[in-house]
């Protein structure tokens, strides 16, 4: 099994994260990214995944075909840390999370991912790392995609 930085990407018309009754991050049109990090992830994984999400042509053009990227529509990205993307449920009934990066490393990579995306001109919002969060979204489509940096192919 290939282990790599992983994202679940959902196209949304709006989304927010609530921690202790307070909204910590909120966007309108754009994508909600649930981001999982492993101990073996590198800066190359991070930049590749961020660019892939920013450039994905998953927004409708004038003919309602998915031909526009987040960058082209001026959309935003809400990034939520999600170690549970690495749940291994093959044995027993309690998931194992040994593939997920240790919290300190995961938080560094998460922050770097958010900063990279913001540096590309994308309005970004976040959840709160290591907090119990309620993620609220209005899906648009629905359009949901799973992307792993280990599955890099062409651009």
N, C-alpha and C. Protein backbone atom coordinates (compact mmCIF):
# COMPACT_ATOMS: atom_id res chain seq x y z
N UNK A 1 0.84 -1.18 0.00
CA UNK A 1 0.00 0.00 0.00
C UNK A 1 0.88 1.25 0.00
N UNK A 2 0.61 2.15 -0.92
CA UNK A 2 1.34 3.41 -0.98
C UNK A 2 0.79 4.36 0.08
N UNK A 3 1.69 5.00 0.80
CA UNK A 3 1.30 5.97 1.81
C UNK A 3 1.75 7.35 1.33
N UNK A 4 0.85 8.30 1.38
CA UNK A 4 1.18 9.65 0.92
C UNK A 4 0.19 10.64 1.50
N UNK A 5 0.50 11.91 1.28
CA UNK A 5 -0.42 12.95 1.69
C UNK A 5 -1.74 12.74 0.96
N UNK A 6 -2.82 12.88 1.67
CA UNK A 6 -4.14 12.51 1.14
C UNK A 6 -5.12 13.66 1.38
N UNK A 7 -6.00 13.86 0.39
CA UNK A 7 -7.04 14.88 0.52
C UNK A 7 -8.36 14.36 0.00
N UNK A 8 -9.40 14.67 0.74
CA UNK A 8 -10.77 14.49 0.26
C UNK A 8 -11.25 15.90 -0.07
N UNK A 9 -11.57 16.12 -1.33
CA UNK A 9 -11.91 17.46 -1.83
C UNK A 9 -13.39 17.50 -2.19
N UNK A 10 -14.11 18.44 -1.61
CA UNK A 10 -15.53 18.60 -1.91
C UNK A 10 -15.79 20.00 -2.43
N UNK A 11 -16.46 20.07 -3.58
CA UNK A 11 -16.87 21.36 -4.12
C UNK A 11 -18.06 21.84 -3.31
N UNK A 12 -17.99 23.08 -2.83
CA UNK A 12 -19.04 23.62 -1.96
C UNK A 12 -19.50 25.00 -2.42
N UNK A 13 -20.75 25.31 -2.06
CA UNK A 13 -21.21 26.69 -2.25
C UNK A 13 -20.96 27.50 -0.99
N UNK A 14 -20.78 26.77 0.15
CA UNK A 14 -20.35 27.40 1.40
C UNK A 14 -19.94 26.30 2.36
N UNK A 15 -19.05 26.65 3.29
CA UNK A 15 -18.62 25.69 4.31
C UNK A 15 -18.03 26.47 5.48
N UNK A 16 -18.12 25.85 6.67
CA UNK A 16 -17.48 26.45 7.84
C UNK A 16 -17.13 25.38 8.84
N UNK A 17 -16.28 25.77 9.79
CA UNK A 17 -15.85 24.90 10.87
C UNK A 17 -16.17 25.61 12.18
N UNK A 18 -16.76 24.85 13.09
CA UNK A 18 -17.13 25.38 14.40
C UNK A 18 -16.36 24.62 15.48
N UNK A 19 -15.72 25.37 16.38
CA UNK A 19 -15.02 24.80 17.53
C UNK A 19 -15.54 25.50 18.78
N UNK A 20 -16.01 24.73 19.73
CA UNK A 20 -16.55 25.28 20.98
C UNK A 20 -17.60 26.36 20.72
N UNK A 21 -18.47 26.12 19.74
CA UNK A 21 -19.55 27.06 19.45
C UNK A 21 -19.15 28.28 18.63
N UNK A 22 -17.87 28.40 18.29
CA UNK A 22 -17.38 29.55 17.53
C UNK A 22 -16.94 29.12 16.14
N UNK A 23 -17.27 29.90 15.12
CA UNK A 23 -16.80 29.62 13.77
C UNK A 23 -15.33 30.00 13.68
N UNK A 24 -14.48 29.03 13.35
CA UNK A 24 -13.04 29.30 13.23
C UNK A 24 -12.62 29.53 11.79
N UNK A 25 -13.40 29.05 10.85
CA UNK A 25 -13.09 29.24 9.44
C UNK A 25 -14.36 29.13 8.62
N UNK A 26 -14.47 29.97 7.60
CA UNK A 26 -15.68 29.99 6.78
C UNK A 26 -15.33 30.43 5.37
N UNK A 27 -15.94 29.78 4.38
CA UNK A 27 -15.78 30.20 2.99
C UNK A 27 -17.13 30.18 2.30
N UNK A 28 -17.17 30.86 1.17
CA UNK A 28 -18.32 30.73 0.28
C UNK A 28 -17.89 29.79 -0.84
N UNK A 29 -18.15 30.08 -2.06
CA UNK A 29 -17.87 29.17 -3.18
C UNK A 29 -16.41 28.73 -3.21
N UNK A 30 -16.21 27.42 -3.32
CA UNK A 30 -14.85 26.91 -3.38
C UNK A 30 -14.80 25.44 -3.07
N UNK A 31 -13.76 25.04 -2.31
CA UNK A 31 -13.59 23.64 -1.94
C UNK A 31 -13.32 23.50 -0.45
N UNK A 32 -13.86 22.42 0.10
CA UNK A 32 -13.53 21.97 1.44
C UNK A 32 -12.52 20.86 1.25
N UNK A 33 -11.35 20.98 1.90
CA UNK A 33 -10.31 19.97 1.80
C UNK A 33 -10.09 19.35 3.16
N UNK A 34 -10.36 18.05 3.26
CA UNK A 34 -10.01 17.28 4.45
C UNK A 34 -8.63 16.72 4.17
N UNK A 35 -7.63 17.12 4.96
CA UNK A 35 -6.23 16.82 4.67
C UNK A 35 -5.63 15.85 5.67
N UNK A 36 -5.07 14.75 5.15
CA UNK A 36 -4.39 13.77 5.99
C UNK A 36 -2.91 13.74 5.65
N UNK A 37 -2.08 13.61 6.69
CA UNK A 37 -0.63 13.64 6.53
C UNK A 37 -0.03 12.38 7.13
N UNK A 38 1.00 11.82 6.46
CA UNK A 38 1.73 10.67 7.00
C UNK A 38 3.15 11.11 7.37
N UNK A 39 3.84 10.26 8.11
CA UNK A 39 5.20 10.56 8.54
C UNK A 39 6.18 10.64 7.37
N UNK A 40 5.85 10.02 6.25
CA UNK A 40 6.77 10.00 5.11
C UNK A 40 6.52 11.12 4.10
N UNK A 41 5.57 12.00 4.36
CA UNK A 41 5.27 13.08 3.41
C UNK A 41 6.41 14.09 3.33
N UNK A 42 6.58 14.62 2.14
CA UNK A 42 7.66 15.56 1.86
C UNK A 42 7.09 16.89 1.36
N UNK A 43 7.93 17.93 1.30
CA UNK A 43 7.48 19.18 0.70
C UNK A 43 7.01 19.00 -0.76
N UNK A 44 7.60 18.05 -1.47
CA UNK A 44 7.14 17.78 -2.84
C UNK A 44 5.72 17.25 -2.86
N UNK A 45 5.39 16.37 -1.91
CA UNK A 45 4.01 15.87 -1.80
C UNK A 45 3.06 17.03 -1.54
N UNK A 46 3.46 17.88 -0.63
CA UNK A 46 2.64 19.02 -0.24
C UNK A 46 2.37 19.95 -1.42
N UNK A 47 3.41 20.37 -2.12
CA UNK A 47 3.22 21.31 -3.23
C UNK A 47 2.47 20.66 -4.38
N UNK A 48 2.75 19.37 -4.66
CA UNK A 48 2.04 18.69 -5.73
C UNK A 48 0.55 18.63 -5.43
N UNK A 49 0.20 18.23 -4.20
CA UNK A 49 -1.20 18.09 -3.82
C UNK A 49 -1.91 19.44 -3.84
N UNK A 50 -1.28 20.45 -3.29
CA UNK A 50 -1.88 21.79 -3.28
C UNK A 50 -2.12 22.28 -4.71
N UNK A 51 -1.13 22.15 -5.57
CA UNK A 51 -1.29 22.58 -6.97
C UNK A 51 -2.38 21.78 -7.67
N UNK A 52 -2.42 20.49 -7.43
CA UNK A 52 -3.44 19.64 -8.05
C UNK A 52 -4.83 20.13 -7.69
N UNK A 53 -5.05 20.44 -6.41
CA UNK A 53 -6.36 20.89 -5.97
C UNK A 53 -6.68 22.27 -6.54
N UNK A 54 -5.73 23.17 -6.50
CA UNK A 54 -5.94 24.52 -7.02
C UNK A 54 -6.28 24.49 -8.50
N UNK A 55 -5.64 23.61 -9.25
CA UNK A 55 -5.80 23.57 -10.71
C UNK A 55 -6.88 22.61 -11.21
N UNK A 56 -7.47 21.80 -10.31
CA UNK A 56 -8.52 20.86 -10.75
C UNK A 56 -9.65 21.60 -11.44
N UNK A 57 -10.02 21.14 -12.59
CA UNK A 57 -11.12 21.77 -13.34
C UNK A 57 -12.43 21.10 -12.94
N UNK A 58 -12.96 21.53 -11.80
CA UNK A 58 -14.17 20.92 -11.25
C UNK A 58 -15.33 21.91 -11.09
N UNK A 59 -15.15 23.11 -11.62
CA UNK A 59 -16.21 24.11 -11.55
C UNK A 59 -16.79 24.33 -12.94
N UNK A 60 -18.09 24.59 -13.02
CA UNK A 60 -18.73 24.71 -14.33
C UNK A 60 -18.34 25.98 -15.08
N UNK A 61 -18.25 25.82 -16.41
CA UNK A 61 -18.06 26.98 -17.29
C UNK A 61 -19.44 27.47 -17.73
N UNK A 62 -19.48 28.33 -18.74
CA UNK A 62 -20.75 28.89 -19.22
C UNK A 62 -21.70 27.83 -19.77
N UNK A 63 -21.16 26.70 -20.21
CA UNK A 63 -22.00 25.61 -20.73
C UNK A 63 -22.25 24.52 -19.68
N UNK A 64 -21.97 24.83 -18.42
CA UNK A 64 -22.18 23.90 -17.30
C UNK A 64 -21.30 22.65 -17.37
N UNK A 65 -20.17 22.73 -18.07
CA UNK A 65 -19.20 21.64 -18.10
C UNK A 65 -18.11 21.95 -17.08
N UNK A 66 -17.57 20.91 -16.43
CA UNK A 66 -16.52 21.12 -15.44
C UNK A 66 -15.22 21.45 -16.19
N UNK A 67 -15.00 22.73 -16.40
CA UNK A 67 -13.83 23.21 -17.14
C UNK A 67 -13.04 24.28 -16.41
N UNK A 68 -13.48 24.71 -15.24
CA UNK A 68 -12.82 25.82 -14.55
C UNK A 68 -12.20 25.35 -13.23
N UNK A 69 -11.08 25.96 -12.91
CA UNK A 69 -10.38 25.63 -11.67
C UNK A 69 -10.78 26.60 -10.56
N UNK A 70 -10.37 26.28 -9.36
CA UNK A 70 -10.58 27.14 -8.20
C UNK A 70 -9.97 28.52 -8.46
N UNK A 71 -8.78 28.53 -9.02
CA UNK A 71 -8.10 29.78 -9.33
C UNK A 71 -8.89 30.60 -10.33
N UNK A 72 -9.42 29.94 -11.36
CA UNK A 72 -10.16 30.65 -12.42
C UNK A 72 -11.48 31.25 -11.94
N UNK A 73 -12.12 30.62 -10.96
CA UNK A 73 -13.40 31.16 -10.50
C UNK A 73 -13.23 32.11 -9.31
N UNK A 74 -11.99 32.25 -8.82
CA UNK A 74 -11.77 33.10 -7.66
C UNK A 74 -12.35 32.50 -6.40
N UNK A 75 -12.36 31.17 -6.32
CA UNK A 75 -12.94 30.47 -5.18
C UNK A 75 -11.99 30.40 -3.99
N UNK A 76 -12.50 29.92 -2.89
CA UNK A 76 -11.74 29.83 -1.64
C UNK A 76 -11.56 28.37 -1.25
N UNK A 77 -10.66 28.13 -0.28
CA UNK A 77 -10.41 26.78 0.21
C UNK A 77 -10.47 26.77 1.73
N UNK A 78 -11.29 25.87 2.26
CA UNK A 78 -11.34 25.61 3.70
C UNK A 78 -10.60 24.30 3.93
N UNK A 79 -9.52 24.36 4.72
CA UNK A 79 -8.67 23.19 4.95
C UNK A 79 -8.86 22.72 6.39
N UNK A 80 -9.20 21.42 6.53
CA UNK A 80 -9.45 20.83 7.83
C UNK A 80 -8.53 19.63 7.99
N UNK A 81 -7.77 19.59 9.09
CA UNK A 81 -6.90 18.44 9.35
C UNK A 81 -7.77 17.22 9.62
N UNK A 82 -7.33 16.07 9.08
CA UNK A 82 -8.18 14.88 9.16
C UNK A 82 -7.33 13.61 9.21
N UNK A 83 -6.76 13.32 10.37
CA UNK A 83 -5.93 12.12 10.49
C UNK A 83 -6.74 10.85 10.25
N UNK A 84 -8.05 10.91 10.43
CA UNK A 84 -8.87 9.72 10.26
C UNK A 84 -8.95 9.26 8.81
N UNK A 85 -8.43 10.05 7.86
CA UNK A 85 -8.34 9.58 6.47
C UNK A 85 -7.41 8.38 6.37
N UNK A 86 -6.60 8.17 7.40
CA UNK A 86 -5.68 7.04 7.40
C UNK A 86 -6.16 5.90 8.29
N UNK A 87 -7.45 5.83 8.55
CA UNK A 87 -7.99 4.73 9.35
C UNK A 87 -7.79 3.41 8.61
N UNK A 88 -7.20 2.47 9.30
CA UNK A 88 -7.06 1.12 8.77
C UNK A 88 -8.09 0.26 9.48
N UNK A 89 -9.11 -0.15 8.74
CA UNK A 89 -10.24 -0.89 9.32
C UNK A 89 -10.23 -2.36 8.93
N UNK A 90 -9.09 -2.84 8.47
CA UNK A 90 -9.03 -4.22 7.98
C UNK A 90 -9.17 -5.26 9.08
N UNK A 91 -8.67 -4.96 10.27
CA UNK A 91 -8.71 -5.94 11.37
C UNK A 91 -9.59 -5.41 12.49
N UNK A 92 -10.38 -6.29 13.04
CA UNK A 92 -11.19 -5.93 14.19
C UNK A 92 -12.22 -4.88 13.87
N UNK A 93 -12.67 -4.20 14.92
CA UNK A 93 -13.73 -3.20 14.76
C UNK A 93 -13.29 -1.81 15.16
N UNK A 94 -12.07 -1.71 15.68
CA UNK A 94 -11.55 -0.40 16.06
C UNK A 94 -10.47 -0.01 15.06
N UNK A 95 -10.63 1.13 14.38
CA UNK A 95 -9.63 1.53 13.37
C UNK A 95 -8.27 1.80 14.00
N UNK A 96 -7.24 1.53 13.22
CA UNK A 96 -5.88 1.87 13.60
C UNK A 96 -5.47 3.10 12.80
N UNK A 97 -4.71 3.98 13.42
CA UNK A 97 -4.28 5.20 12.75
C UNK A 97 -2.76 5.29 12.68
N UNK A 98 -2.07 4.16 12.69
CA UNK A 98 -0.61 4.16 12.72
C UNK A 98 0.01 4.79 11.46
N UNK A 99 -0.72 4.84 10.36
CA UNK A 99 -0.18 5.44 9.14
C UNK A 99 -0.18 6.98 9.20
N UNK A 100 -0.98 7.55 10.07
CA UNK A 100 -1.03 9.02 10.19
C UNK A 100 0.25 9.54 10.84
N UNK A 101 0.67 10.73 10.44
CA UNK A 101 1.86 11.36 11.02
C UNK A 101 1.61 11.69 12.49
N UNK A 102 2.68 11.71 13.29
CA UNK A 102 2.53 12.18 14.68
C UNK A 102 2.00 13.62 14.67
N UNK A 103 1.24 14.00 15.68
CA UNK A 103 0.58 15.31 15.68
C UNK A 103 1.49 16.51 15.38
N UNK A 104 2.68 16.55 15.97
CA UNK A 104 3.56 17.72 15.76
C UNK A 104 3.98 17.83 14.30
N UNK A 105 4.35 16.71 13.70
CA UNK A 105 4.74 16.71 12.29
C UNK A 105 3.53 17.03 11.40
N UNK A 106 2.39 16.44 11.71
CA UNK A 106 1.19 16.67 10.91
C UNK A 106 0.79 18.14 10.95
N UNK A 107 0.89 18.75 12.12
CA UNK A 107 0.51 20.16 12.24
C UNK A 107 1.45 21.05 11.42
N UNK A 108 2.74 20.75 11.44
CA UNK A 108 3.70 21.52 10.61
C UNK A 108 3.34 21.43 9.14
N UNK A 109 3.08 20.20 8.67
CA UNK A 109 2.75 20.01 7.25
C UNK A 109 1.41 20.67 6.91
N UNK A 110 0.45 20.56 7.80
CA UNK A 110 -0.86 21.19 7.62
C UNK A 110 -0.69 22.70 7.47
N UNK A 111 0.07 23.31 8.38
CA UNK A 111 0.31 24.76 8.31
C UNK A 111 1.03 25.13 7.01
N UNK A 112 2.01 24.33 6.62
CA UNK A 112 2.73 24.60 5.37
C UNK A 112 1.81 24.50 4.16
N UNK A 113 0.90 23.53 4.19
CA UNK A 113 -0.06 23.36 3.10
C UNK A 113 -0.94 24.61 3.00
N UNK A 114 -1.49 25.04 4.13
CA UNK A 114 -2.36 26.23 4.15
C UNK A 114 -1.59 27.45 3.65
N UNK A 115 -0.36 27.64 4.13
CA UNK A 115 0.45 28.78 3.70
C UNK A 115 0.78 28.72 2.21
N UNK A 116 1.04 27.52 1.70
CA UNK A 116 1.33 27.36 0.27
C UNK A 116 0.12 27.78 -0.55
N UNK A 117 -1.06 27.28 -0.19
CA UNK A 117 -2.28 27.61 -0.92
C UNK A 117 -2.54 29.12 -0.88
N UNK A 118 -2.42 29.72 0.29
CA UNK A 118 -2.63 31.17 0.41
C UNK A 118 -1.61 31.93 -0.43
N UNK A 119 -0.39 31.42 -0.50
CA UNK A 119 0.65 32.05 -1.31
C UNK A 119 0.38 31.99 -2.80
N UNK A 120 -0.53 31.12 -3.22
CA UNK A 120 -0.91 31.03 -4.64
C UNK A 120 -2.10 31.93 -4.96
N UNK A 121 -2.49 32.75 -3.99
CA UNK A 121 -3.57 33.71 -4.23
C UNK A 121 -4.96 33.18 -3.94
N UNK A 122 -5.05 32.04 -3.26
CA UNK A 122 -6.35 31.46 -2.91
C UNK A 122 -6.73 31.92 -1.50
N UNK A 123 -7.93 32.47 -1.36
CA UNK A 123 -8.43 32.81 -0.02
C UNK A 123 -8.58 31.50 0.75
N UNK A 124 -7.97 31.43 1.93
CA UNK A 124 -8.00 30.20 2.71
C UNK A 124 -8.58 30.44 4.09
N UNK A 125 -9.20 29.38 4.60
CA UNK A 125 -9.71 29.37 5.97
C UNK A 125 -9.37 27.99 6.52
N UNK A 126 -9.37 27.87 7.83
CA UNK A 126 -8.97 26.60 8.44
C UNK A 126 -9.87 26.24 9.61
N UNK A 127 -9.73 24.99 9.98
CA UNK A 127 -10.28 24.53 11.24
C UNK A 127 -9.25 24.82 12.31
N UNK A 128 -9.30 24.07 13.40
CA UNK A 128 -8.33 24.23 14.48
C UNK A 128 -7.69 22.87 14.71
N UNK A 129 -6.38 22.80 14.53
CA UNK A 129 -5.67 21.53 14.64
C UNK A 129 -5.86 20.94 16.03
N UNK A 130 -6.10 19.64 16.09
CA UNK A 130 -6.28 18.86 17.32
C UNK A 130 -7.52 19.24 18.13
N UNK A 131 -8.47 19.90 17.51
CA UNK A 131 -9.70 20.26 18.21
C UNK A 131 -10.85 19.38 17.72
N UNK A 132 -11.85 19.23 18.56
CA UNK A 132 -13.10 18.60 18.12
C UNK A 132 -13.84 19.66 17.31
N UNK A 133 -14.13 19.33 16.06
CA UNK A 133 -14.71 20.32 15.14
C UNK A 133 -16.03 19.81 14.57
N UNK A 134 -16.91 20.74 14.31
CA UNK A 134 -18.11 20.46 13.53
C UNK A 134 -17.89 21.13 12.18
N UNK A 135 -17.91 20.32 11.13
CA UNK A 135 -17.70 20.84 9.78
C UNK A 135 -19.06 20.89 9.10
N UNK A 136 -19.42 22.06 8.67
CA UNK A 136 -20.71 22.26 8.00
C UNK A 136 -20.45 22.67 6.57
N UNK A 137 -21.19 22.06 5.65
CA UNK A 137 -21.00 22.41 4.25
C UNK A 137 -22.29 22.29 3.48
N UNK A 138 -22.36 23.08 2.42
CA UNK A 138 -23.40 22.91 1.43
C UNK A 138 -22.68 22.46 0.18
N UNK A 139 -22.82 21.17 -0.11
CA UNK A 139 -22.15 20.60 -1.27
C UNK A 139 -22.72 21.16 -2.56
N UNK A 140 -21.87 21.31 -3.54
CA UNK A 140 -22.26 21.83 -4.85
C UNK A 140 -22.04 20.75 -5.87
N UNK A 141 -23.10 20.12 -6.31
CA UNK A 141 -22.98 19.07 -7.31
C UNK A 141 -23.84 17.86 -6.99
N UNK A 142 -23.46 17.05 -6.06
CA UNK A 142 -22.22 17.05 -5.28
C UNK A 142 -21.02 16.60 -6.11
N UNK A 143 -19.88 17.17 -5.78
CA UNK A 143 -18.61 16.79 -6.39
C UNK A 143 -17.64 16.51 -5.25
N UNK A 144 -17.19 15.25 -5.15
CA UNK A 144 -16.25 14.85 -4.11
C UNK A 144 -15.17 13.99 -4.75
N UNK A 145 -13.90 14.31 -4.46
CA UNK A 145 -12.78 13.57 -5.05
C UNK A 145 -11.75 13.25 -3.98
N UNK A 146 -11.08 12.14 -4.17
CA UNK A 146 -10.04 11.65 -3.27
C UNK A 146 -8.73 11.74 -4.04
N UNK A 147 -7.72 12.41 -3.46
CA UNK A 147 -6.43 12.57 -4.15
C UNK A 147 -5.31 12.19 -3.20
N UNK A 148 -4.41 11.30 -3.66
CA UNK A 148 -3.23 10.91 -2.91
C UNK A 148 -2.00 11.35 -3.69
N UNK A 149 -1.03 11.94 -3.00
CA UNK A 149 0.19 12.38 -3.70
C UNK A 149 0.99 11.21 -4.23
N UNK A 150 0.83 10.00 -3.68
CA UNK A 150 1.57 8.83 -4.18
C UNK A 150 1.08 8.38 -5.55
N UNK A 151 -0.08 8.85 -5.95
CA UNK A 151 -0.65 8.44 -7.22
C UNK A 151 -0.37 9.46 -8.32
N UNK A 152 0.70 10.22 -8.15
CA UNK A 152 1.05 11.22 -9.15
C UNK A 152 1.22 10.57 -10.51
N UNK A 153 0.57 11.18 -11.45
CA UNK A 153 0.73 10.77 -12.85
C UNK A 153 1.20 11.98 -13.60
N UNK A 154 0.49 12.32 -14.64
CA UNK A 154 0.78 13.54 -15.38
C UNK A 154 0.36 14.74 -14.58
N UNK A 155 0.36 15.91 -15.19
CA UNK A 155 0.03 17.13 -14.46
C UNK A 155 -1.41 17.38 -14.27
